[in-house]
Amino acid sequence: METIQKIALVITIIGALNWGLIALFDLDLVATLFGEMTMLSRIVYGLVGICGLVNIGILFSHIDQ
């Protein structure tokens, strides 16, 4: 499970960097690479969201220990 958590963390960080680019430069890198709300870009956004949920689980699992 540790490998999945690390992959989820990396994908979440990439998503956060994309949001930073949107805020600072009005540049949506996902939309630039895959198109504005195409099926592929929706999959990428969904994957980032799922990875964020995995990271929430990681946060709470460390609190209990």
N, C-alpha and C. Protein backbone atom coordinates (compact mmCIF):
# COMPACT_ATOMS: atom_id res chain seq x y z
N MET A 1 0.82 -1.21 0.00
CA MET A 1 0.00 0.00 0.00
C MET A 1 0.86 1.26 0.00
N GLU A 2 2.06 1.16 0.51
CA GLU A 2 2.93 2.33 0.59
C GLU A 2 3.25 2.88 -0.81
N THR A 3 3.41 2.00 -1.79
CA THR A 3 3.70 2.44 -3.15
C THR A 3 2.54 3.24 -3.72
N ILE A 4 1.32 2.77 -3.50
CA ILE A 4 0.14 3.49 -3.98
C ILE A 4 0.05 4.86 -3.33
N GLN A 5 0.36 4.94 -2.05
CA GLN A 5 0.32 6.22 -1.34
C GLN A 5 1.35 7.19 -1.90
N LYS A 6 2.53 6.71 -2.23
CA LYS A 6 3.56 7.58 -2.80
C LYS A 6 3.16 8.07 -4.18
N ILE A 7 2.59 7.19 -4.99
CA ILE A 7 2.12 7.59 -6.31
C ILE A 7 1.01 8.63 -6.18
N ALA A 8 0.09 8.41 -5.25
CA ALA A 8 -1.00 9.36 -5.02
C ALA A 8 -0.46 10.71 -4.58
N LEU A 9 0.55 10.70 -3.74
CA LEU A 9 1.15 11.95 -3.28
C LEU A 9 1.79 12.71 -4.44
N VAL A 10 2.50 12.02 -5.30
CA VAL A 10 3.14 12.66 -6.45
C VAL A 10 2.09 13.26 -7.37
N ILE A 11 1.03 12.51 -7.65
CA ILE A 11 -0.03 13.02 -8.53
C ILE A 11 -0.73 14.22 -7.89
N THR A 12 -0.93 14.19 -6.59
CA THR A 12 -1.54 15.32 -5.89
C THR A 12 -0.65 16.55 -5.97
N ILE A 13 0.65 16.37 -5.83
CA ILE A 13 1.58 17.49 -5.94
C ILE A 13 1.56 18.07 -7.35
N ILE A 14 1.52 17.21 -8.36
CA ILE A 14 1.42 17.70 -9.74
C ILE A 14 0.14 18.50 -9.92
N GLY A 15 -0.98 18.01 -9.35
CA GLY A 15 -2.24 18.75 -9.42
C GLY A 15 -2.15 20.10 -8.72
N ALA A 16 -1.46 20.13 -7.58
CA ALA A 16 -1.29 21.39 -6.86
C ALA A 16 -0.44 22.38 -7.67
N LEU A 17 0.58 21.87 -8.32
CA LEU A 17 1.39 22.74 -9.18
C LEU A 17 0.57 23.29 -10.33
N ASN A 18 -0.32 22.48 -10.88
CA ASN A 18 -1.20 22.96 -11.94
C ASN A 18 -2.09 24.10 -11.43
N TRP A 19 -2.64 23.94 -10.21
CA TRP A 19 -3.46 25.01 -9.63
C TRP A 19 -2.62 26.27 -9.39
N GLY A 20 -1.38 26.08 -9.00
CA GLY A 20 -0.49 27.24 -8.84
C GLY A 20 -0.27 27.96 -10.15
N LEU A 21 -0.09 27.21 -11.23
CA LEU A 21 0.07 27.83 -12.55
C LEU A 21 -1.19 28.58 -12.97
N ILE A 22 -2.35 28.01 -12.64
CA ILE A 22 -3.61 28.69 -12.96
C ILE A 22 -3.70 30.01 -12.21
N ALA A 23 -3.36 29.99 -10.91
CA ALA A 23 -3.47 31.20 -10.09
C ALA A 23 -2.46 32.26 -10.50
N LEU A 24 -1.24 31.85 -10.77
CA LEU A 24 -0.18 32.82 -11.02
C LEU A 24 -0.13 33.32 -12.47
N PHE A 25 -0.36 32.41 -13.41
CA PHE A 25 -0.14 32.75 -14.82
C PHE A 25 -1.35 32.53 -15.71
N ASP A 26 -2.49 32.16 -15.12
CA ASP A 26 -3.69 31.84 -15.88
C ASP A 26 -3.40 30.78 -16.94
N LEU A 27 -2.60 29.77 -16.55
CA LEU A 27 -2.20 28.70 -17.45
C LEU A 27 -2.63 27.37 -16.86
N ASP A 28 -3.59 26.74 -17.51
CA ASP A 28 -4.04 25.42 -17.09
C ASP A 28 -3.27 24.41 -17.93
N LEU A 29 -2.25 23.81 -17.34
CA LEU A 29 -1.37 22.91 -18.06
C LEU A 29 -2.10 21.67 -18.56
N VAL A 30 -3.02 21.15 -17.78
CA VAL A 30 -3.79 19.98 -18.20
C VAL A 30 -4.61 20.30 -19.45
N ALA A 31 -5.28 21.43 -19.44
CA ALA A 31 -6.08 21.84 -20.60
C ALA A 31 -5.19 22.13 -21.80
N THR A 32 -4.01 22.68 -21.55
CA THR A 32 -3.08 22.96 -22.64
C THR A 32 -2.61 21.66 -23.28
N LEU A 33 -2.31 20.65 -22.46
CA LEU A 33 -1.79 19.39 -22.98
C LEU A 33 -2.85 18.50 -23.59
N PHE A 34 -4.04 18.44 -22.96
CA PHE A 34 -5.04 17.45 -23.35
C PHE A 34 -6.32 18.05 -23.92
N GLY A 35 -6.45 19.36 -23.92
CA GLY A 35 -7.65 20.00 -24.45
C GLY A 35 -8.58 20.43 -23.33
N GLU A 36 -9.39 21.41 -23.65
CA GLU A 36 -10.32 21.99 -22.67
C GLU A 36 -11.47 21.03 -22.41
N MET A 37 -11.49 20.40 -21.24
CA MET A 37 -12.53 19.48 -20.77
C MET A 37 -12.81 18.35 -21.76
N THR A 38 -11.76 17.81 -22.35
CA THR A 38 -11.89 16.60 -23.15
C THR A 38 -12.00 15.41 -22.19
N MET A 39 -12.28 14.25 -22.72
CA MET A 39 -12.40 13.06 -21.87
C MET A 39 -11.08 12.80 -21.15
N LEU A 40 -9.96 12.98 -21.85
CA LEU A 40 -8.65 12.73 -21.24
C LEU A 40 -8.36 13.73 -20.12
N SER A 41 -8.68 15.00 -20.33
CA SER A 41 -8.44 15.98 -19.27
C SER A 41 -9.35 15.72 -18.07
N ARG A 42 -10.58 15.28 -18.31
CA ARG A 42 -11.47 14.93 -17.19
C ARG A 42 -10.93 13.75 -16.40
N ILE A 43 -10.33 12.78 -17.10
CA ILE A 43 -9.72 11.64 -16.42
C ILE A 43 -8.56 12.11 -15.55
N VAL A 44 -7.74 13.02 -16.07
CA VAL A 44 -6.62 13.55 -15.29
C VAL A 44 -7.12 14.28 -14.05
N TYR A 45 -8.13 15.15 -14.22
CA TYR A 45 -8.68 15.87 -13.07
C TYR A 45 -9.29 14.90 -12.06
N GLY A 46 -9.99 13.90 -12.55
CA GLY A 46 -10.58 12.89 -11.65
C GLY A 46 -9.52 12.11 -10.90
N LEU A 47 -8.44 11.76 -11.60
CA LEU A 47 -7.34 11.04 -10.97
C LEU A 47 -6.69 11.86 -9.86
N VAL A 48 -6.51 13.14 -10.11
CA VAL A 48 -5.96 14.03 -9.08
C VAL A 48 -6.89 14.09 -7.87
N GLY A 49 -8.20 14.16 -8.12
CA GLY A 49 -9.17 14.19 -7.02
C GLY A 49 -9.16 12.91 -6.20
N ILE A 50 -9.09 11.77 -6.89
CA ILE A 50 -9.03 10.49 -6.17
C ILE A 50 -7.75 10.41 -5.34
N CYS A 51 -6.65 10.86 -5.91
CA CYS A 51 -5.38 10.84 -5.17
C CYS A 51 -5.44 11.76 -3.95
N GLY A 52 -6.16 12.87 -4.07
CA GLY A 52 -6.35 13.74 -2.91
C GLY A 52 -7.10 13.03 -1.80
N LEU A 53 -8.10 12.24 -2.18
CA LEU A 53 -8.84 11.47 -1.17
C LEU A 53 -7.96 10.41 -0.52
N VAL A 54 -7.10 9.79 -1.30
CA VAL A 54 -6.15 8.82 -0.74
C VAL A 54 -5.25 9.51 0.28
N ASN A 55 -4.83 10.72 -0.06
CA ASN A 55 -3.95 11.47 0.85
C ASN A 55 -4.66 11.86 2.14
N ILE A 56 -5.96 12.11 2.07
CA ILE A 56 -6.71 12.38 3.30
C ILE A 56 -6.66 11.14 4.20
N GLY A 57 -6.81 9.98 3.59
CA GLY A 57 -6.71 8.74 4.35
C GLY A 57 -5.34 8.59 4.99
N ILE A 58 -4.30 8.97 4.30
CA ILE A 58 -2.95 8.92 4.85
C ILE A 58 -2.83 9.85 6.05
N LEU A 59 -3.39 11.03 5.93
CA LEU A 59 -3.34 12.01 7.03
C LEU A 59 -3.97 11.45 8.29
N PHE A 60 -5.14 10.87 8.16
CA PHE A 60 -5.83 10.36 9.34
C PHE A 60 -5.22 9.07 9.87
N SER A 61 -4.57 8.30 9.03
CA SER A 61 -3.93 7.08 9.52
C SER A 61 -2.72 7.40 10.37
N HIS A 62 -2.05 8.51 10.12
CA HIS A 62 -0.90 8.91 10.93
C HIS A 62 -1.32 9.55 12.25
N ILE A 63 -2.50 10.12 12.29
CA ILE A 63 -3.00 10.74 13.52
C ILE A 63 -3.30 9.66 14.56
N ASP A 64 -3.82 8.52 14.13
CA ASP A 64 -4.19 7.45 15.05
C ASP A 64 -2.98 6.76 15.68
N GLN A 65 -1.83 6.87 15.04
CA GLN A 65 -0.66 6.12 15.53
C GLN A 65 0.03 6.81 16.65
